[in-house]
Amino acid sequence: MRRPILATFGVASLALTGWLQPSAAAAADAAAGKQKAGMCRTCHGIDGMAKVPDAPNIGGESAIYLERQLKAFRSGERKHEQMSVIAESLDDADIADLVAWYASIKVSVTVPQ
């Protein structure tokens, strides 16, 4: 008898804390994100494939991951000389749009024979 009550309580708790609520990226505009990605292109490329050796490929990356990382750079929780400065200027809508763009990119892999 207790399990359904505990499960319901657990799901309700997650919803209240924001874990189950849709992120800002869910309502984002990928086309707007592509336009905003101009500031990202020097390091990450407009296609999300890194142009410099110390930048990660972000094209096709998980929207949840991208959103969390940009917000961590913005808040100072995560630090990087360039990303911290760039992310500081982004509002939630900018982040959502950028995330929508980079997460929408399809990446394929060919395994050698």
Protein backbone atom coordinates (compact mmCIF):
# COMPACT_ATOMS: atom_id res chain seq x y z
CA MET A 1 0.00 0.00 0.00
CA ARG A 2 2.81 2.43 0.76
CA ARG A 3 4.65 2.13 -2.55
CA PRO A 4 2.08 3.96 -4.71
CA ILE A 5 1.90 6.76 -2.16
CA LEU A 6 5.68 7.08 -1.98
CA ALA A 7 6.00 6.95 -5.76
CA THR A 8 3.37 9.66 -6.15
CA PHE A 9 5.09 11.76 -3.51
CA GLY A 10 8.44 11.30 -5.25
CA VAL A 11 7.11 12.37 -8.65
CA ALA A 12 5.32 15.35 -7.09
CA SER A 13 8.53 16.37 -5.33
CA LEU A 14 10.48 16.21 -8.58
CA ALA A 15 7.87 18.30 -10.35
CA LEU A 16 7.95 20.93 -7.61
CA THR A 17 11.73 21.19 -7.70
CA GLY A 18 11.74 21.66 -11.46
CA TRP A 19 13.23 18.33 -12.51
CA LEU A 20 10.18 17.29 -14.52
CA GLN A 21 9.20 20.69 -15.82
CA PRO A 22 10.11 21.45 -19.43
CA SER A 23 13.28 23.46 -19.85
CA ALA A 24 13.40 26.79 -21.60
CA ALA A 25 14.87 24.93 -24.59
CA ALA A 26 11.52 23.23 -25.19
CA ALA A 27 10.01 26.57 -26.29
CA ALA A 28 13.13 27.78 -28.07
CA ASP A 29 13.66 28.85 -31.65
CA ALA A 30 16.43 26.94 -33.44
CA ALA A 31 16.45 29.44 -36.34
CA ALA A 32 17.04 32.29 -33.87
CA GLY A 33 19.72 30.14 -32.24
CA LYS A 34 21.49 29.74 -35.58
CA GLN A 35 21.60 33.52 -35.91
CA LYS A 36 22.91 33.92 -32.36
CA ALA A 37 25.52 31.19 -32.94
CA GLY A 38 27.60 33.70 -34.89
CA MET A 39 29.36 34.47 -31.62
CA CYS A 40 30.12 30.74 -31.19
CA ARG A 41 31.41 30.05 -34.69
CA THR A 42 35.05 31.00 -34.12
CA CYS A 43 35.58 28.17 -31.64
CA HIS A 44 32.65 25.76 -32.05
CA GLY A 45 31.67 26.46 -35.65
CA ILE A 46 28.18 27.26 -36.85
CA ASP A 47 27.73 23.49 -37.32
CA GLY A 48 28.95 22.69 -33.81
CA MET A 49 32.15 21.03 -35.01
CA ALA A 50 35.08 22.62 -33.17
CA LYS A 51 37.37 24.88 -35.17
CA VAL A 52 40.08 25.14 -32.51
CA PRO A 53 41.79 22.24 -30.75
CA ASP A 54 40.68 23.06 -27.19
CA ALA A 55 36.98 23.61 -28.00
CA PRO A 56 34.53 20.71 -27.81
CA ASN A 57 32.22 19.63 -30.60
CA ILE A 58 28.73 20.67 -29.49
CA GLY A 59 26.66 19.95 -32.59
CA GLY A 60 24.12 17.23 -31.87
CA GLU A 61 24.83 17.33 -28.14
CA SER A 62 22.00 16.80 -25.66
CA ALA A 63 19.85 19.88 -25.08
CA ILE A 64 19.86 19.19 -21.34
CA TYR A 65 23.67 19.06 -21.27
CA LEU A 66 24.12 22.22 -23.36
CA GLU A 67 21.64 24.19 -21.28
CA ARG A 68 23.21 23.12 -17.99
CA GLN A 69 26.72 23.97 -19.17
CA LEU A 70 25.82 27.41 -20.51
CA LYS A 71 24.00 28.25 -17.29
CA ALA A 72 26.95 26.97 -15.25
CA PHE A 73 29.33 29.23 -17.21
CA ARG A 74 26.91 32.15 -16.80
CA SER A 75 26.58 31.70 -13.03
CA GLY A 76 30.29 31.15 -12.48
CA GLU A 77 29.75 27.58 -11.27
CA ARG A 78 31.89 26.51 -14.21
CA LYS A 79 34.78 28.69 -15.34
CA HIS A 80 36.57 29.15 -18.65
CA GLU A 81 38.40 32.28 -19.73
CA GLN A 82 36.29 32.86 -22.86
CA MET A 83 33.07 30.93 -22.17
CA SER A 84 32.48 32.63 -18.83
CA VAL A 85 32.58 36.06 -20.46
CA ILE A 86 30.38 35.01 -23.38
CA ALA A 87 27.80 33.17 -21.26
CA GLU A 88 27.56 36.10 -18.84
CA SER A 89 25.88 38.13 -21.59
CA LEU A 90 23.27 35.45 -22.41
CA ASP A 91 19.76 35.56 -20.99
CA ASP A 92 17.56 32.46 -20.67
CA ALA A 93 15.98 33.01 -24.10
CA ASP A 94 19.42 33.29 -25.75
CA ILE A 95 20.53 30.07 -24.07
CA ALA A 96 17.33 28.29 -25.07
CA ASP A 97 17.71 29.37 -28.70
CA LEU A 98 21.39 28.39 -28.89
CA VAL A 99 20.64 25.05 -27.26
CA ALA A 100 17.80 24.41 -29.71
CA TRP A 101 20.10 25.14 -32.65
CA TYR A 102 23.09 23.05 -31.59
CA ALA A 103 20.94 20.17 -30.29
CA SER A 104 19.03 20.05 -33.59
CA ILE A 105 22.17 19.32 -35.60
CA LYS A 106 22.34 15.70 -36.71
CA VAL A 107 25.72 14.06 -36.42
CA SER A 108 26.49 10.75 -38.11
CA VAL A 109 29.36 8.39 -37.53
CA THR A 110 30.89 5.91 -39.91
CA VAL A 111 32.59 2.97 -38.24
CA PRO A 112 35.62 1.70 -40.16
CA GLN A 113 35.42 -1.83 -41.52
